[in-house]
Amino acid sequence: MRTEQIKGHEIEISGVRVANSSNWTAYLTIYGPSSNPMHRHSVFPNQQVCVEEVFNSEQAAQEAALKVAREMLSAR
């Protein structure tokens, strides 16, 4: 799992290996800004993104999830 900061939001991106396969899927969670660093406010709960795609590596899946996060936050 990788964490990024974009526009005050904390982004968690991960690649999850597909069962019985060498492929990976992309997962994303977005937390909104919070005045308390011990409390994260989920604005996009952890879920699979790019659901019709599989990736050859964990890194490729993470990059796809990060692209989705950037697109979502640029629309805000």
PDB file of N, CA and C in Angstrom:
ATOM      1  N   MET A   1       0.854  -1.168   0.000  1.00  0.00           N
ATOM      2  CA  MET A   1       0.000   0.000   0.000  1.00  0.00           C
ATOM      3  C   MET A   1       0.900   1.231   0.000  1.00  0.00           C
ATOM      4  N   ARG A   2       0.476   2.206  -0.743  1.00  0.00           N
ATOM      5  CA  ARG A   2       1.210   3.454  -0.858  1.00  0.00           C
ATOM      6  C   ARG A   2       0.291   4.599  -0.466  1.00  0.00           C
ATOM      7  N   THR A   3       0.851   5.632   0.149  1.00  0.00           N
ATOM      8  CA  THR A   3       0.083   6.803   0.562  1.00  0.00           C
ATOM      9  C   THR A   3       0.627   8.045  -0.129  1.00  0.00           C
ATOM     10  N   GLU A   4      -0.274   8.870  -0.620  1.00  0.00           N
ATOM     11  CA  GLU A   4       0.068  10.137  -1.281  1.00  0.00           C
ATOM     12  C   GLU A   4      -0.801  11.238  -0.674  1.00  0.00           C
ATOM     13  N   GLN A   5      -0.354  12.475  -0.811  1.00  0.00           N
ATOM     14  CA  GLN A   5      -1.133  13.647  -0.409  1.00  0.00           C
ATOM     15  C   GLN A   5      -1.471  14.432  -1.673  1.00  0.00           C
ATOM     16  N   ILE A   6      -2.761  14.697  -1.882  1.00  0.00           N
ATOM     17  CA  ILE A   6      -3.205  15.482  -3.035  1.00  0.00           C
ATOM     18  C   ILE A   6      -4.285  16.453  -2.563  1.00  0.00           C
ATOM     19  N   LYS A   7      -4.040  17.748  -2.751  1.00  0.00           N
ATOM     20  CA  LYS A   7      -5.017  18.786  -2.393  1.00  0.00           C
ATOM     21  C   LYS A   7      -5.558  18.618  -0.972  1.00  0.00           C
ATOM     22  N   GLY A   8      -4.683  18.321  -0.035  1.00  0.00           N
ATOM     23  CA  GLY A   8      -5.095  18.175   1.359  1.00  0.00           C
ATOM     24  C   GLY A   8      -5.760  16.855   1.684  1.00  0.00           C
ATOM     25  N   HIS A   9      -5.887  15.984   0.718  1.00  0.00           N
ATOM     26  CA  HIS A   9      -6.484  14.671   0.928  1.00  0.00           C
ATOM     27  C   HIS A   9      -5.389  13.615   1.053  1.00  0.00           C
ATOM     28  N   GLU A  10      -5.637  12.639   1.897  1.00  0.00           N
ATOM     29  CA  GLU A  10      -4.718  11.515   2.012  1.00  0.00           C
ATOM     30  C   GLU A  10      -5.245  10.388   1.128  1.00  0.00           C
ATOM     31  N   ILE A  11      -4.406   9.925   0.227  1.00  0.00           N
ATOM     32  CA  ILE A  11      -4.788   8.913  -0.750  1.00  0.00           C
ATOM     33  C   ILE A  11      -4.046   7.625  -0.424  1.00  0.00           C
ATOM     34  N   GLU A  12      -4.775   6.525  -0.303  1.00  0.00           N
ATOM     35  CA  GLU A  12      -4.153   5.214  -0.147  1.00  0.00           C
ATOM     36  C   GLU A  12      -4.421   4.423  -1.422  1.00  0.00           C
ATOM     37  N   ILE A  13      -3.367   3.982  -2.056  1.00  0.00           N
ATOM     38  CA  ILE A  13      -3.502   3.199  -3.272  1.00  0.00           C
ATOM     39  C   ILE A  13      -2.817   1.857  -3.062  1.00  0.00           C
ATOM     40  N   SER A  14      -3.384   0.834  -3.645  1.00  0.00           N
ATOM     41  CA  SER A  14      -2.769  -0.475  -3.508  1.00  0.00           C
ATOM     42  C   SER A  14      -3.078  -1.343  -4.715  1.00  0.00           C
ATOM     43  N   GLY A  15      -2.202  -2.295  -4.918  1.00  0.00           N
ATOM     44  CA  GLY A  15      -2.424  -3.333  -5.910  1.00  0.00           C
ATOM     45  C   GLY A  15      -2.710  -4.617  -5.163  1.00  0.00           C
ATOM     46  N   VAL A  16      -3.724  -5.320  -5.573  1.00  0.00           N
ATOM     47  CA  VAL A  16      -4.097  -6.579  -4.926  1.00  0.00           C
ATOM     48  C   VAL A  16      -4.008  -7.682  -5.975  1.00  0.00           C
ATOM     49  N   ARG A  17      -3.292  -8.733  -5.637  1.00  0.00           N
ATOM     50  CA  ARG A  17      -3.112  -9.838  -6.587  1.00  0.00           C
ATOM     51  C   ARG A  17      -4.428 -10.574  -6.791  1.00  0.00           C
ATOM     52  N   VAL A  18      -4.735 -10.860  -8.050  1.00  0.00           N
ATOM     53  CA  VAL A  18      -5.934 -11.616  -8.411  1.00  0.00           C
ATOM     54  C   VAL A  18      -5.695 -13.080  -8.023  1.00  0.00           C
ATOM     55  N   ALA A  19      -6.679 -13.686  -7.369  1.00  0.00           N
ATOM     56  CA  ALA A  19      -6.550 -15.081  -6.943  1.00  0.00           C
ATOM     57  C   ALA A  19      -6.256 -15.993  -8.136  1.00  0.00           C
ATOM     58  N   ASN A  20      -5.351 -16.918  -7.938  1.00  0.00           N
ATOM     59  CA  ASN A  20      -4.977 -17.903  -8.957  1.00  0.00           C
ATOM     60  C   ASN A  20      -4.504 -17.262 -10.253  1.00  0.00           C
ATOM     61  N   SER A  21      -3.799 -16.143 -10.148  1.00  0.00           N
ATOM     62  CA  SER A  21      -3.346 -15.418 -11.326  1.00  0.00           C
ATOM     63  C   SER A  21      -2.064 -14.665 -10.988  1.00  0.00           C
ATOM     64  N   SER A  22      -1.370 -14.231 -12.003  1.00  0.00           N
ATOM     65  CA  SER A  22      -0.197 -13.385 -11.776  1.00  0.00           C
ATOM     66  C   SER A  22      -0.550 -11.909 -11.980  1.00  0.00           C
ATOM     67  N   ASN A  23      -1.820 -11.614 -12.192  1.00  0.00           N
ATOM     68  CA  ASN A  23      -2.282 -10.244 -12.430  1.00  0.00           C
ATOM     69  C   ASN A  23      -2.662  -9.541 -11.131  1.00  0.00           C
ATOM     70  N   TRP A  24      -2.804  -8.221 -11.240  1.00  0.00           N
ATOM     71  CA  TRP A  24      -3.110  -7.354 -10.099  1.00  0.00           C
ATOM     72  C   TRP A  24      -4.312  -6.475 -10.414  1.00  0.00           C
ATOM     73  N   THR A  25      -5.048  -6.074  -9.368  1.00  0.00           N
ATOM     74  CA  THR A  25      -6.140  -5.118  -9.503  1.00  0.00           C
ATOM     75  C   THR A  25      -5.802  -3.869  -8.685  1.00  0.00           C
ATOM     76  N   ALA A  26      -6.452  -2.759  -9.013  1.00  0.00           N
ATOM     77  CA  ALA A  26      -6.171  -1.470  -8.384  1.00  0.00           C
ATOM     78  C   ALA A  26      -7.241  -1.137  -7.343  1.00  0.00           C
ATOM     79  N   TYR A  27      -6.801  -0.723  -6.155  1.00  0.00           N
ATOM     80  CA  TYR A  27      -7.701  -0.308  -5.076  1.00  0.00           C
ATOM     81  C   TYR A  27      -7.345   1.099  -4.623  1.00  0.00           C
ATOM     82  N   LEU A  28      -8.370   1.833  -4.182  1.00  0.00           N
ATOM     83  CA  LEU A  28      -8.203   3.234  -3.812  1.00  0.00           C
ATOM     84  C   LEU A  28      -9.056   3.583  -2.605  1.00  0.00           C
ATOM     85  N   THR A  29      -8.487   4.388  -1.706  1.00  0.00           N
ATOM     86  CA  THR A  29      -9.217   5.004  -0.595  1.00  0.00           C
ATOM     87  C   THR A  29      -8.821   6.473  -0.560  1.00  0.00           C
ATOM     88  N   ILE A  30      -9.791   7.358  -0.358  1.00  0.00           N
ATOM     89  CA  ILE A  30      -9.495   8.787  -0.235  1.00  0.00           C
ATOM     90  C   ILE A  30     -10.053   9.281   1.093  1.00  0.00           C
ATOM     91  N   TYR A  31      -9.177   9.923   1.866  1.00  0.00           N
ATOM     92  CA  TYR A  31      -9.566  10.541   3.139  1.00  0.00           C
ATOM     93  C   TYR A  31      -9.540  12.048   2.976  1.00  0.00           C
ATOM     94  N   GLY A  32     -10.563  12.712   3.489  1.00  0.00           N
ATOM     95  CA  GLY A  32     -10.648  14.161   3.407  1.00  0.00           C
ATOM     96  C   GLY A  32      -9.786  14.828   4.456  1.00  0.00           C
ATOM     97  N   PRO A  33      -9.618  16.139   4.307  1.00  0.00           N
ATOM     98  CA  PRO A  33      -8.842  16.899   5.288  1.00  0.00           C
ATOM     99  C   PRO A  33      -9.465  16.779   6.687  1.00  0.00           C
ATOM    100  N   SER A  34      -8.600  16.751   7.690  1.00  0.00           N
ATOM    101  CA  SER A  34      -9.066  16.644   9.072  1.00  0.00           C
ATOM    102  C   SER A  34      -8.182  17.505   9.963  1.00  0.00           C
ATOM    103  N   SER A  35      -8.784  18.157  10.937  1.00  0.00           N
ATOM    104  CA  SER A  35      -8.010  18.967  11.885  1.00  0.00           C
ATOM    105  C   SER A  35      -7.319  18.097  12.921  1.00  0.00           C
ATOM    106  N   ASN A  36      -7.745  16.854  13.047  1.00  0.00           N
ATOM    107  CA  ASN A  36      -7.145  15.923  13.995  1.00  0.00           C
ATOM    108  C   ASN A  36      -6.397  14.840  13.220  1.00  0.00           C
ATOM    109  N   PRO A  37      -5.069  14.803  13.319  1.00  0.00           N
ATOM    110  CA  PRO A  37      -4.307  13.830  12.550  1.00  0.00           C
ATOM    111  C   PRO A  37      -4.572  12.367  12.963  1.00  0.00           C
ATOM    112  N   MET A  38      -5.204  12.170  14.105  1.00  0.00           N
ATOM    113  CA  MET A  38      -5.520  10.815  14.556  1.00  0.00           C
ATOM    114  C   MET A  38      -6.874  10.336  14.028  1.00  0.00           C
ATOM    115  N   HIS A  39      -7.596  11.203  13.350  1.00  0.00           N
ATOM    116  CA  HIS A  39      -8.919  10.845  12.825  1.00  0.00           C
ATOM    117  C   HIS A  39      -8.947  11.122  11.330  1.00  0.00           C
ATOM    118  N   ARG A  40      -9.196  10.085  10.563  1.00  0.00           N
ATOM    119  CA  ARG A  40      -9.280  10.261   9.112  1.00  0.00           C
ATOM    120  C   ARG A  40     -10.741  10.142   8.691  1.00  0.00           C
ATOM    121  N   HIS A  41     -11.158  11.058   7.862  1.00  0.00           N
ATOM    122  CA  HIS A  41     -12.535  11.116   7.382  1.00  0.00           C
ATOM    123  C   HIS A  41     -12.565  10.555   5.960  1.00  0.00           C
ATOM    124  N   SER A  42     -13.127   9.363   5.797  1.00  0.00           N
ATOM    125  CA  SER A  42     -13.167   8.717   4.497  1.00  0.00           C
ATOM    126  C   SER A  42     -14.204   9.389   3.600  1.00  0.00           C
ATOM    127  N   VAL A  43     -13.760   9.892   2.450  1.00  0.00           N
ATOM    128  CA  VAL A  43     -14.686  10.480   1.488  1.00  0.00           C
ATOM    129  C   VAL A  43     -14.897   9.545   0.292  1.00  0.00           C
ATOM    130  N   PHE A  44     -14.029   8.554   0.156  1.00  0.00           N
ATOM    131  CA  PHE A  44     -14.170   7.517  -0.871  1.00  0.00           C
ATOM    132  C   PHE A  44     -13.656   6.234  -0.240  1.00  0.00           C
ATOM    133  N   PRO A  45     -14.563   5.361   0.200  1.00  0.00           N
ATOM    134  CA  PRO A  45     -14.136   4.159   0.932  1.00  0.00           C
ATOM    135  C   PRO A  45     -13.309   3.219   0.058  1.00  0.00           C
ATOM    136  N   ASN A  46     -12.509   2.413   0.703  1.00  0.00           N
ATOM    137  CA  ASN A  46     -11.639   1.478  -0.011  1.00  0.00           C
ATOM    138  C   ASN A  46     -12.449   0.598  -0.958  1.00  0.00           C
ATOM    139  N   GLN A  47     -12.094   0.681  -2.227  1.00  0.00           N
ATOM    140  CA  GLN A  47     -12.763  -0.147  -3.219  1.00  0.00           C
ATOM    141  C   GLN A  47     -11.916  -0.289  -4.465  1.00  0.00           C
ATOM    142  N   GLN A  48     -12.253  -1.301  -5.230  1.00  0.00           N
ATOM    143  CA  GLN A  48     -11.544  -1.551  -6.472  1.00  0.00           C
ATOM    144  C   GLN A  48     -11.932  -0.488  -7.498  1.00  0.00           C
ATOM    145  N   VAL A  49     -10.933   0.037  -8.200  1.00  0.00           N
ATOM    146  CA  VAL A  49     -11.153   0.962  -9.307  1.00  0.00           C
ATOM    147  C   VAL A  49     -10.567   0.314 -10.559  1.00  0.00           C
ATOM    148  N   CYS A  50     -10.915   0.824 -11.720  1.00  0.00           N
ATOM    149  CA  CYS A  50     -10.481   0.207 -12.988  1.00  0.00           C
ATOM    150  C   CYS A  50     -10.931  -1.251 -13.014  1.00  0.00           C
ATOM    151  N   VAL A  51     -12.198  -1.477 -12.710  1.00  0.00           N
ATOM    152  CA  VAL A  51     -12.705  -2.834 -12.474  1.00  0.00           C
ATOM    153  C   VAL A  51     -12.638  -3.759 -13.683  1.00  0.00           C
ATOM    154  N   GLU A  52     -12.534  -3.208 -14.866  1.00  0.00           N
ATOM    155  CA  GLU A  52     -12.477  -4.061 -16.052  1.00  0.00           C
ATOM    156  C   GLU A  52     -11.055  -4.264 -16.554  1.00  0.00           C
ATOM    157  N   GLU A  53     -10.078  -3.856 -15.741  1.00  0.00           N
ATOM    158  CA  GLU A  53      -8.679  -4.002 -16.126  1.00  0.00           C
ATOM    159  C   GLU A  53      -7.922  -4.827 -15.100  1.00  0.00           C
ATOM    160  N   VAL A  54      -6.932  -5.556 -15.562  1.00  0.00           N
ATOM    161  CA  VAL A  54      -5.960  -6.197 -14.678  1.00  0.00           C
ATOM    162  C   VAL A  54      -4.587  -5.705 -15.118  1.00  0.00           C
ATOM    163  N   PHE A  55      -3.639  -5.758 -14.212  1.00  0.00           N
ATOM    164  CA  PHE A  55      -2.321  -5.201 -14.451  1.00  0.00           C
ATOM    165  C   PHE A  55      -1.256  -6.270 -14.243  1.00  0.00           C
ATOM    166  N   ASN A  56      -0.125  -6.062 -14.909  1.00  0.00           N
ATOM    167  CA  ASN A  56       0.957  -7.048 -14.850  1.00  0.00           C
ATOM    168  C   ASN A  56       1.787  -6.959 -13.584  1.00  0.00           C
ATOM    169  N   SER A  57       1.667  -5.847 -12.859  1.00  0.00           N
ATOM    170  CA  SER A  57       2.463  -5.676 -11.645  1.00  0.00           C
ATOM    171  C   SER A  57       1.689  -4.872 -10.611  1.00  0.00           C
ATOM    172  N   GLU A  58       2.138  -4.987  -9.374  1.00  0.00           N
ATOM    173  CA  GLU A  58       1.531  -4.210  -8.293  1.00  0.00           C
ATOM    174  C   GLU A  58       1.730  -2.718  -8.549  1.00  0.00           C
ATOM    175  N   GLN A  59       2.906  -2.349  -9.012  1.00  0.00           N
ATOM    176  CA  GLN A  59       3.198  -0.942  -9.277  1.00  0.00           C
ATOM    177  C   GLN A  59       2.275  -0.379 -10.355  1.00  0.00           C
ATOM    178  N   ALA A  60       2.017  -1.144 -11.405  1.00  0.00           N
ATOM    179  CA  ALA A  60       1.119  -0.669 -12.477  1.00  0.00           C
ATOM    180  C   ALA A  60      -0.297  -0.480 -11.932  1.00  0.00           C
ATOM    181  N   ALA A  61      -0.743  -1.378 -11.061  1.00  0.00           N
ATOM    182  CA  ALA A  61      -2.070  -1.249 -10.452  1.00  0.00           C
ATOM    183  C   ALA A  61      -2.128  -0.003  -9.572  1.00  0.00           C
ATOM    184  N   GLN A  62      -1.072   0.257  -8.810  1.00  0.00           N
ATOM    185  CA  GLN A  62      -1.030   1.438  -7.962  1.00  0.00           C
ATOM    186  C   GLN A  62      -1.052   2.721  -8.791  1.00  0.00           C
ATOM    187  N   GLU A  63      -0.333   2.740  -9.877  1.00  0.00           N
ATOM    188  CA  GLU A  63      -0.316   3.929 -10.740  1.00  0.00           C
ATOM    189  C   GLU A  63      -1.708   4.183 -11.339  1.00  0.00           C
ATOM    190  N   ALA A  64      -2.417   3.128 -11.699  1.00  0.00           N
ATOM    191  CA  ALA A  64      -3.775   3.281 -12.229  1.00  0.00           C
ATOM    192  C   ALA A  64      -4.705   3.852 -11.156  1.00  0.00           C
ATOM    193  N   ALA A  65      -4.576   3.366  -9.922  1.00  0.00           N
ATOM    194  CA  ALA A  65      -5.393   3.873  -8.821  1.00  0.00           C
ATOM    195  C   ALA A  65      -5.077   5.339  -8.542  1.00  0.00           C
ATOM    196  N   LEU A  66      -3.806   5.707  -8.609  1.00  0.00           N
ATOM    197  CA  LEU A  66      -3.406   7.096  -8.389  1.00  0.00           C
ATOM    198  C   LEU A  66      -3.974   7.998  -9.483  1.00  0.00           C
ATOM    199  N   LYS A  67      -3.990   7.527 -10.703  1.00  0.00           N
ATOM    200  CA  LYS A  67      -4.575   8.303 -11.806  1.00  0.00           C
ATOM    201  C   LYS A  67      -6.055   8.558 -11.565  1.00  0.00           C
ATOM    202  N   VAL A  68      -6.783   7.546 -11.096  1.00  0.00           N
ATOM    203  CA  VAL A  68      -8.200   7.705 -10.780  1.00  0.00           C
ATOM    204  C   VAL A  68      -8.374   8.743  -9.672  1.00  0.00           C
ATOM    205  N   ALA A  69      -7.553   8.665  -8.631  1.00  0.00           N
ATOM    206  CA  ALA A  69      -7.638   9.623  -7.528  1.00  0.00           C
ATOM    207  C   ALA A  69      -7.420  11.050  -8.019  1.00  0.00           C
ATOM    208  N   ARG A  70      -6.410  11.232  -8.850  1.00  0.00           N
ATOM    209  CA  ARG A  70      -6.130  12.579  -9.386  1.00  0.00           C
ATOM    210  C   ARG A  70      -7.313  13.102 -10.194  1.00  0.00           C
ATOM    211  N   GLU A  71      -7.910  12.228 -11.010  1.00  0.00           N
ATOM    212  CA  GLU A  71      -9.061  12.641 -11.808  1.00  0.00           C
ATOM    213  C   GLU A  71     -10.243  13.007 -10.910  1.00  0.00           C
ATOM    214  N   MET A  72     -10.476  12.206  -9.880  1.00  0.00           N
ATOM    215  CA  MET A  72     -11.589  12.482  -8.965  1.00  0.00           C
ATOM    216  C   MET A  72     -11.391  13.816  -8.245  1.00  0.00           C
ATOM    217  N   LEU A  73     -10.174  14.063  -7.789  1.00  0.00           N
ATOM    218  CA  LEU A  73      -9.922  15.281  -7.007  1.00  0.00           C
ATOM    219  C   LEU A  73      -9.809  16.524  -7.887  1.00  0.00           C
ATOM    220  N   SER A  74      -9.481  16.362  -9.145  1.00  0.00           N
ATOM    221  CA  SER A  74      -9.415  17.529 -10.018  1.00  0.00           C
ATOM    222  C   SER A  74     -10.825  18.006 -10.357  1.00  0.00           C
ATOM    223  N   ALA A  75     -11.807  17.125 -10.241  1.00  0.00           N
ATOM    224  CA  ALA A  75     -13.208  17.487 -10.515  1.00  0.00           C
ATOM    225  C   ALA A  75     -13.843  18.215  -9.324  1.00  0.00           C
ATOM    226  N   ARG A  76     -13.174  18.246  -8.190  1.00  0.00           N
ATOM    227  CA  ARG A  76     -13.712  18.894  -6.986  1.00  0.00           C
ATOM    228  C   ARG A  76     -13.456  20.365  -7.004  1.00  0.00           C
TER     229      ARG A  76
END
